[in-house]
């Protein structure tokens, strides 16, 4: 069963007056239970691909579906609820103390719930 599907997804960003095409008609299907790795050169679009797949970014073209539900057309708040409901969180940087991310991992993972008004302990 297909869990995550990206179909002809394209994403562009502006760098001043210059448009940069980061994802160009990317299509992929990932089945439940699959283990997938993404690798590539620095600034090749890996993080943007994950952000689009997670619903943090919306592609200009194409569709993203998770468990049969298209998330591409959801509003920002609907996508946030979707991520909370399915436990989707992205983290980047270096997790060593004093380097990279300044929050403890627990606080970072609990962030979606604390922004909804729950305390850290409740989260």
N, C-alpha and C. Protein backbone atom coordinates (compact mmCIF):
# COMPACT_ATOMS: atom_id res chain seq x y z
N UNK A 1 0.85 -1.19 0.00
CA UNK A 1 0.00 0.00 0.00
C UNK A 1 0.89 1.24 0.00
N UNK A 2 0.61 2.18 -0.89
CA UNK A 2 1.38 3.42 -0.96
C UNK A 2 1.04 4.31 0.22
N UNK A 3 2.06 4.68 0.98
CA UNK A 3 1.87 5.56 2.13
C UNK A 3 2.09 7.02 1.74
N UNK A 4 3.16 7.29 1.00
CA UNK A 4 3.50 8.65 0.59
C UNK A 4 3.71 8.68 -0.91
N UNK A 5 3.06 9.63 -1.56
CA UNK A 5 3.17 9.76 -3.01
C UNK A 5 3.39 11.23 -3.38
N UNK A 6 4.45 11.47 -4.14
CA UNK A 6 4.69 12.77 -4.74
C UNK A 6 4.57 12.58 -6.23
N UNK A 7 3.74 13.38 -6.88
CA UNK A 7 3.47 13.21 -8.30
C UNK A 7 3.77 14.51 -9.05
N UNK A 8 4.84 14.50 -9.84
CA UNK A 8 5.24 15.66 -10.66
C UNK A 8 5.38 16.95 -9.84
N UNK A 9 6.05 16.85 -8.70
CA UNK A 9 6.20 17.98 -7.79
C UNK A 9 7.34 18.89 -8.25
N UNK A 10 7.03 20.19 -8.32
CA UNK A 10 8.04 21.20 -8.64
C UNK A 10 8.00 22.29 -7.58
N UNK A 11 9.18 22.80 -7.22
CA UNK A 11 9.28 23.86 -6.23
C UNK A 11 10.36 24.84 -6.67
N UNK A 12 10.02 26.12 -6.61
CA UNK A 12 10.93 27.19 -7.00
C UNK A 12 11.07 28.19 -5.86
N UNK A 13 12.22 28.84 -5.79
CA UNK A 13 12.44 29.92 -4.84
C UNK A 13 13.04 31.09 -5.58
N UNK A 14 12.83 32.28 -5.04
CA UNK A 14 13.44 33.48 -5.59
C UNK A 14 14.70 33.80 -4.79
N UNK A 15 15.76 34.09 -5.51
CA UNK A 15 17.02 34.55 -4.92
C UNK A 15 17.26 35.92 -5.52
N UNK A 16 16.73 36.94 -4.85
CA UNK A 16 16.73 38.27 -5.44
C UNK A 16 15.76 38.27 -6.61
N UNK A 17 16.25 38.62 -7.79
CA UNK A 17 15.42 38.62 -8.99
C UNK A 17 15.51 37.29 -9.74
N UNK A 18 16.38 36.42 -9.27
CA UNK A 18 16.62 35.14 -9.96
C UNK A 18 15.75 34.03 -9.39
N UNK A 19 15.08 33.28 -10.25
CA UNK A 19 14.27 32.14 -9.83
C UNK A 19 15.11 30.87 -9.87
N UNK A 20 15.05 30.10 -8.79
CA UNK A 20 15.81 28.86 -8.71
C UNK A 20 14.84 27.69 -8.66
N UNK A 21 14.94 26.79 -9.62
CA UNK A 21 14.13 25.58 -9.64
C UNK A 21 14.82 24.53 -8.78
N UNK A 22 14.22 24.20 -7.65
CA UNK A 22 14.83 23.28 -6.70
C UNK A 22 14.36 21.84 -6.95
N UNK A 23 13.07 21.67 -7.17
CA UNK A 23 12.51 20.36 -7.50
C UNK A 23 11.84 20.48 -8.87
N UNK A 24 12.16 19.57 -9.76
CA UNK A 24 11.65 19.63 -11.14
C UNK A 24 10.89 18.35 -11.48
N UNK A 25 9.59 18.39 -11.32
CA UNK A 25 8.68 17.27 -11.64
C UNK A 25 9.11 15.95 -10.99
N UNK A 26 9.33 16.01 -9.69
CA UNK A 26 9.75 14.84 -8.93
C UNK A 26 8.54 13.96 -8.65
N UNK A 27 8.67 12.67 -8.92
CA UNK A 27 7.63 11.69 -8.61
C UNK A 27 8.26 10.53 -7.86
N UNK A 28 7.60 10.12 -6.79
CA UNK A 28 8.07 8.98 -6.00
C UNK A 28 6.89 8.41 -5.22
N UNK A 29 6.89 7.10 -5.06
CA UNK A 29 5.90 6.44 -4.21
C UNK A 29 6.65 5.61 -3.18
N UNK A 30 6.24 5.77 -1.92
CA UNK A 30 6.86 5.04 -0.83
C UNK A 30 5.77 4.22 -0.15
N UNK A 31 5.99 2.93 -0.05
CA UNK A 31 5.01 2.04 0.56
C UNK A 31 5.20 1.99 2.07
N UNK A 32 4.12 1.68 2.78
CA UNK A 32 4.19 1.49 4.23
C UNK A 32 5.24 0.42 4.52
N UNK A 33 6.09 0.69 5.49
CA UNK A 33 7.13 -0.27 5.87
C UNK A 33 8.44 -0.09 5.13
N UNK A 34 8.47 0.72 4.07
CA UNK A 34 9.71 0.96 3.34
C UNK A 34 10.66 1.81 4.18
N UNK A 35 11.94 1.58 4.03
CA UNK A 35 12.97 2.40 4.62
C UNK A 35 13.67 3.10 3.46
N UNK A 36 13.66 4.44 3.48
CA UNK A 36 14.16 5.21 2.35
C UNK A 36 15.24 6.17 2.83
N UNK A 37 16.32 6.26 2.09
CA UNK A 37 17.36 7.23 2.36
C UNK A 37 17.44 8.23 1.22
N UNK A 38 17.76 9.47 1.56
CA UNK A 38 17.91 10.51 0.54
C UNK A 38 19.31 11.09 0.68
N UNK A 39 20.04 11.10 -0.41
CA UNK A 39 21.38 11.67 -0.38
C UNK A 39 21.62 12.46 -1.65
N UNK A 40 22.56 13.36 -1.57
CA UNK A 40 22.92 14.17 -2.73
C UNK A 40 23.88 15.26 -2.31
N UNK A 41 24.33 15.99 -3.28
CA UNK A 41 25.26 17.08 -3.01
C UNK A 41 24.60 18.17 -2.18
N UNK A 42 25.42 18.97 -1.54
CA UNK A 42 24.95 20.11 -0.78
C UNK A 42 24.11 21.01 -1.69
N UNK A 43 22.97 21.48 -1.17
CA UNK A 43 22.07 22.40 -1.88
C UNK A 43 21.46 21.76 -3.13
N UNK A 44 21.24 20.45 -3.09
CA UNK A 44 20.65 19.77 -4.25
C UNK A 44 19.14 19.58 -4.12
N UNK A 45 18.53 20.00 -2.98
CA UNK A 45 17.09 19.93 -2.83
C UNK A 45 16.59 18.86 -1.88
N UNK A 46 17.48 18.19 -1.16
CA UNK A 46 17.08 17.12 -0.24
C UNK A 46 16.13 17.62 0.83
N UNK A 47 16.49 18.70 1.50
CA UNK A 47 15.66 19.24 2.57
C UNK A 47 14.34 19.76 2.03
N UNK A 48 14.36 20.41 0.89
CA UNK A 48 13.12 20.92 0.29
C UNK A 48 12.20 19.75 -0.06
N UNK A 49 12.75 18.67 -0.58
CA UNK A 49 11.95 17.48 -0.88
C UNK A 49 11.26 16.98 0.38
N UNK A 50 11.99 16.88 1.49
CA UNK A 50 11.40 16.43 2.75
C UNK A 50 10.36 17.41 3.28
N UNK A 51 10.62 18.70 3.14
CA UNK A 51 9.66 19.71 3.60
C UNK A 51 8.37 19.66 2.80
N UNK A 52 8.47 19.44 1.51
CA UNK A 52 7.27 19.31 0.66
C UNK A 52 6.53 18.03 1.02
N UNK A 53 7.26 16.93 1.20
CA UNK A 53 6.63 15.66 1.55
C UNK A 53 5.92 15.73 2.89
N UNK A 54 6.45 16.52 3.83
CA UNK A 54 5.86 16.65 5.16
C UNK A 54 4.76 17.70 5.23
N UNK A 55 4.56 18.45 4.15
CA UNK A 55 3.54 19.49 4.16
C UNK A 55 4.00 20.79 4.77
N UNK A 56 5.29 20.96 4.99
CA UNK A 56 5.81 22.23 5.50
C UNK A 56 5.92 23.26 4.39
N UNK A 57 6.19 22.80 3.19
CA UNK A 57 6.24 23.65 1.99
C UNK A 57 5.19 23.13 1.01
N UNK A 58 4.64 24.03 0.22
CA UNK A 58 3.66 23.66 -0.80
C UNK A 58 4.32 23.79 -2.17
N UNK A 59 4.25 22.75 -2.99
CA UNK A 59 4.86 22.84 -4.32
C UNK A 59 4.06 23.75 -5.24
N UNK A 60 4.73 24.35 -6.21
CA UNK A 60 4.01 25.14 -7.22
C UNK A 60 3.21 24.24 -8.15
N UNK A 61 3.75 23.08 -8.43
CA UNK A 61 3.10 22.12 -9.33
C UNK A 61 3.14 20.75 -8.68
N UNK A 62 2.20 19.90 -9.05
CA UNK A 62 2.18 18.53 -8.59
C UNK A 62 1.36 18.33 -7.33
N UNK A 63 1.29 17.09 -6.89
CA UNK A 63 0.50 16.74 -5.72
C UNK A 63 1.31 15.88 -4.76
N UNK A 64 0.95 15.99 -3.48
CA UNK A 64 1.53 15.16 -2.43
C UNK A 64 0.36 14.51 -1.71
N UNK A 65 0.43 13.18 -1.58
CA UNK A 65 -0.61 12.44 -0.86
C UNK A 65 0.03 11.59 0.21
N UNK A 66 -0.64 11.51 1.35
CA UNK A 66 -0.18 10.67 2.46
C UNK A 66 -1.35 9.79 2.88
N UNK A 67 -1.15 8.49 2.86
CA UNK A 67 -2.19 7.51 3.23
C UNK A 67 -3.48 7.76 2.44
N UNK A 68 -3.32 8.11 1.17
CA UNK A 68 -4.48 8.31 0.30
C UNK A 68 -5.13 9.67 0.39
N UNK A 69 -4.64 10.55 1.27
CA UNK A 69 -5.20 11.89 1.42
C UNK A 69 -4.28 12.91 0.80
N UNK A 70 -4.80 13.69 -0.14
CA UNK A 70 -3.98 14.73 -0.77
C UNK A 70 -3.79 15.87 0.21
N UNK A 71 -2.53 16.18 0.53
CA UNK A 71 -2.25 17.26 1.48
C UNK A 71 -1.87 18.56 0.78
N UNK A 72 -1.68 18.50 -0.53
CA UNK A 72 -1.25 19.67 -1.28
C UNK A 72 -2.25 20.82 -1.19
N UNK A 73 -3.51 20.50 -1.15
CA UNK A 73 -4.55 21.55 -1.18
C UNK A 73 -5.00 22.02 0.19
N UNK A 74 -4.42 21.46 1.25
CA UNK A 74 -4.82 21.85 2.60
C UNK A 74 -4.27 23.24 2.94
N UNK A 75 -4.99 23.95 3.80
CA UNK A 75 -4.50 25.25 4.26
C UNK A 75 -3.31 25.04 5.20
N UNK A 76 -2.64 26.12 5.54
CA UNK A 76 -1.50 26.03 6.44
C UNK A 76 -1.89 25.39 7.77
N UNK A 77 -3.00 25.82 8.35
CA UNK A 77 -3.42 25.26 9.65
C UNK A 77 -3.87 23.81 9.50
N UNK A 78 -4.50 23.46 8.39
CA UNK A 78 -4.89 22.06 8.16
C UNK A 78 -3.67 21.16 8.00
N UNK A 79 -2.63 21.68 7.33
CA UNK A 79 -1.40 20.89 7.20
C UNK A 79 -0.71 20.72 8.56
N UNK A 80 -0.76 21.75 9.42
CA UNK A 80 -0.19 21.65 10.76
C UNK A 80 -0.93 20.60 11.58
N UNK A 81 -2.26 20.59 11.50
CA UNK A 81 -3.04 19.56 12.20
C UNK A 81 -2.73 18.18 11.65
N UNK A 82 -2.56 18.07 10.35
CA UNK A 82 -2.21 16.80 9.70
C UNK A 82 -0.88 16.28 10.24
N UNK A 83 0.12 17.16 10.33
CA UNK A 83 1.44 16.73 10.83
C UNK A 83 1.36 16.27 12.28
N UNK A 84 0.60 17.00 13.11
CA UNK A 84 0.44 16.60 14.51
C UNK A 84 -0.27 15.25 14.61
N UNK A 85 -1.33 15.07 13.83
CA UNK A 85 -2.11 13.83 13.87
C UNK A 85 -1.26 12.62 13.47
N UNK A 86 -0.33 12.82 12.54
CA UNK A 86 0.48 11.70 12.05
C UNK A 86 1.89 11.67 12.65
N UNK A 87 2.19 12.58 13.57
CA UNK A 87 3.49 12.57 14.23
C UNK A 87 4.65 12.91 13.33
N UNK A 88 4.44 13.84 12.40
CA UNK A 88 5.48 14.22 11.45
C UNK A 88 6.24 15.43 11.98
N UNK A 89 7.55 15.28 12.11
CA UNK A 89 8.40 16.38 12.55
C UNK A 89 9.72 16.28 11.81
N UNK A 90 10.23 17.40 11.38
CA UNK A 90 11.54 17.44 10.74
C UNK A 90 12.50 18.15 11.66
N UNK A 91 13.70 17.65 11.73
CA UNK A 91 14.73 18.27 12.53
C UNK A 91 16.01 18.32 11.71
N UNK A 92 16.75 19.36 11.89
CA UNK A 92 18.00 19.47 11.16
C UNK A 92 19.08 20.01 12.07
N UNK A 93 20.23 20.12 11.54
CA UNK A 93 21.32 20.69 12.31
C UNK A 93 22.06 19.63 13.09
N UNK A 94 22.89 20.10 13.97
CA UNK A 94 23.74 19.24 14.78
C UNK A 94 23.13 19.17 16.18
N UNK A 95 22.88 17.97 16.67
CA UNK A 95 22.19 17.80 17.96
C UNK A 95 23.14 17.76 19.15
N UNK A 96 24.44 17.96 18.93
CA UNK A 96 25.36 17.97 20.06
C UNK A 96 25.14 19.21 20.91
N UNK A 97 25.23 19.08 22.23
CA UNK A 97 25.05 20.25 23.11
C UNK A 97 26.01 21.36 22.73
N UNK A 98 25.49 22.58 22.67
CA UNK A 98 26.32 23.73 22.38
C UNK A 98 26.59 23.96 20.90
N UNK A 99 26.10 23.07 20.04
CA UNK A 99 26.33 23.18 18.60
C UNK A 99 24.99 23.04 17.90
N UNK A 100 24.74 23.85 16.90
CA UNK A 100 23.52 23.66 16.10
C UNK A 100 22.27 24.05 16.87
N UNK A 101 21.32 23.15 16.99
CA UNK A 101 20.03 23.41 17.61
C UNK A 101 20.21 23.67 19.10
N UNK A 102 19.61 24.75 19.58
CA UNK A 102 19.81 25.13 20.98
C UNK A 102 18.79 24.46 21.90
N UNK A 103 17.67 23.95 21.38
CA UNK A 103 16.66 23.32 22.21
C UNK A 103 17.03 21.86 22.48
N UNK A 104 16.69 21.37 23.68
CA UNK A 104 16.79 19.92 23.89
C UNK A 104 15.85 19.20 22.93
N UNK A 105 16.17 17.96 22.59
CA UNK A 105 15.38 17.20 21.62
C UNK A 105 13.92 17.11 22.05
N UNK A 106 13.66 16.86 23.34
CA UNK A 106 12.30 16.74 23.83
C UNK A 106 11.48 18.00 23.53
N UNK A 107 12.06 19.16 23.78
CA UNK A 107 11.36 20.42 23.52
C UNK A 107 11.11 20.61 22.03
N UNK A 108 12.06 20.20 21.22
CA UNK A 108 11.91 20.34 19.77
C UNK A 108 10.77 19.47 19.26
N UNK A 109 10.71 18.24 19.72
CA UNK A 109 9.66 17.31 19.29
C UNK A 109 8.30 17.74 19.83
N UNK A 110 8.26 18.29 21.03
CA UNK A 110 7.00 18.71 21.64
C UNK A 110 6.49 20.04 21.11
N UNK A 111 7.30 20.76 20.32
CA UNK A 111 6.94 22.10 19.86
C UNK A 111 5.54 22.20 19.25
N UNK A 112 5.12 21.29 18.35
CA UNK A 112 3.77 21.43 17.80
C UNK A 112 2.67 21.40 18.86
N UNK A 113 2.86 20.62 19.90
CA UNK A 113 1.85 20.54 20.95
C UNK A 113 1.89 21.75 21.87
N UNK A 114 3.09 22.25 22.17
CA UNK A 114 3.17 23.41 23.04
C UNK A 114 2.65 24.66 22.35
N UNK A 115 2.75 24.73 21.03
CA UNK A 115 2.19 25.88 20.32
C UNK A 115 0.66 25.81 20.31
N UNK A 116 0.10 24.63 20.59
CA UNK A 116 -1.35 24.49 20.71
C UNK A 116 -1.84 24.77 22.13
N UNK A 117 -0.89 25.14 23.04
CA UNK A 117 -1.29 25.52 24.38
C UNK A 117 -1.00 24.49 25.46
N UNK A 118 -0.49 23.32 25.12
CA UNK A 118 -0.15 22.34 26.13
C UNK A 118 1.18 22.69 26.78
N UNK A 119 1.36 22.29 28.03
CA UNK A 119 2.65 22.48 28.67
C UNK A 119 3.62 21.43 28.15
N UNK A 120 4.90 21.62 28.43
CA UNK A 120 5.89 20.64 28.02
C UNK A 120 5.61 19.29 28.68
N UNK A 121 5.23 19.31 29.96
CA UNK A 121 4.93 18.06 30.67
C UNK A 121 3.73 17.35 30.03
N UNK A 122 2.69 18.10 29.66
CA UNK A 122 1.52 17.49 29.00
C UNK A 122 1.87 16.94 27.63
N UNK A 123 2.73 17.66 26.91
CA UNK A 123 3.14 17.22 25.58
C UNK A 123 3.87 15.90 25.67
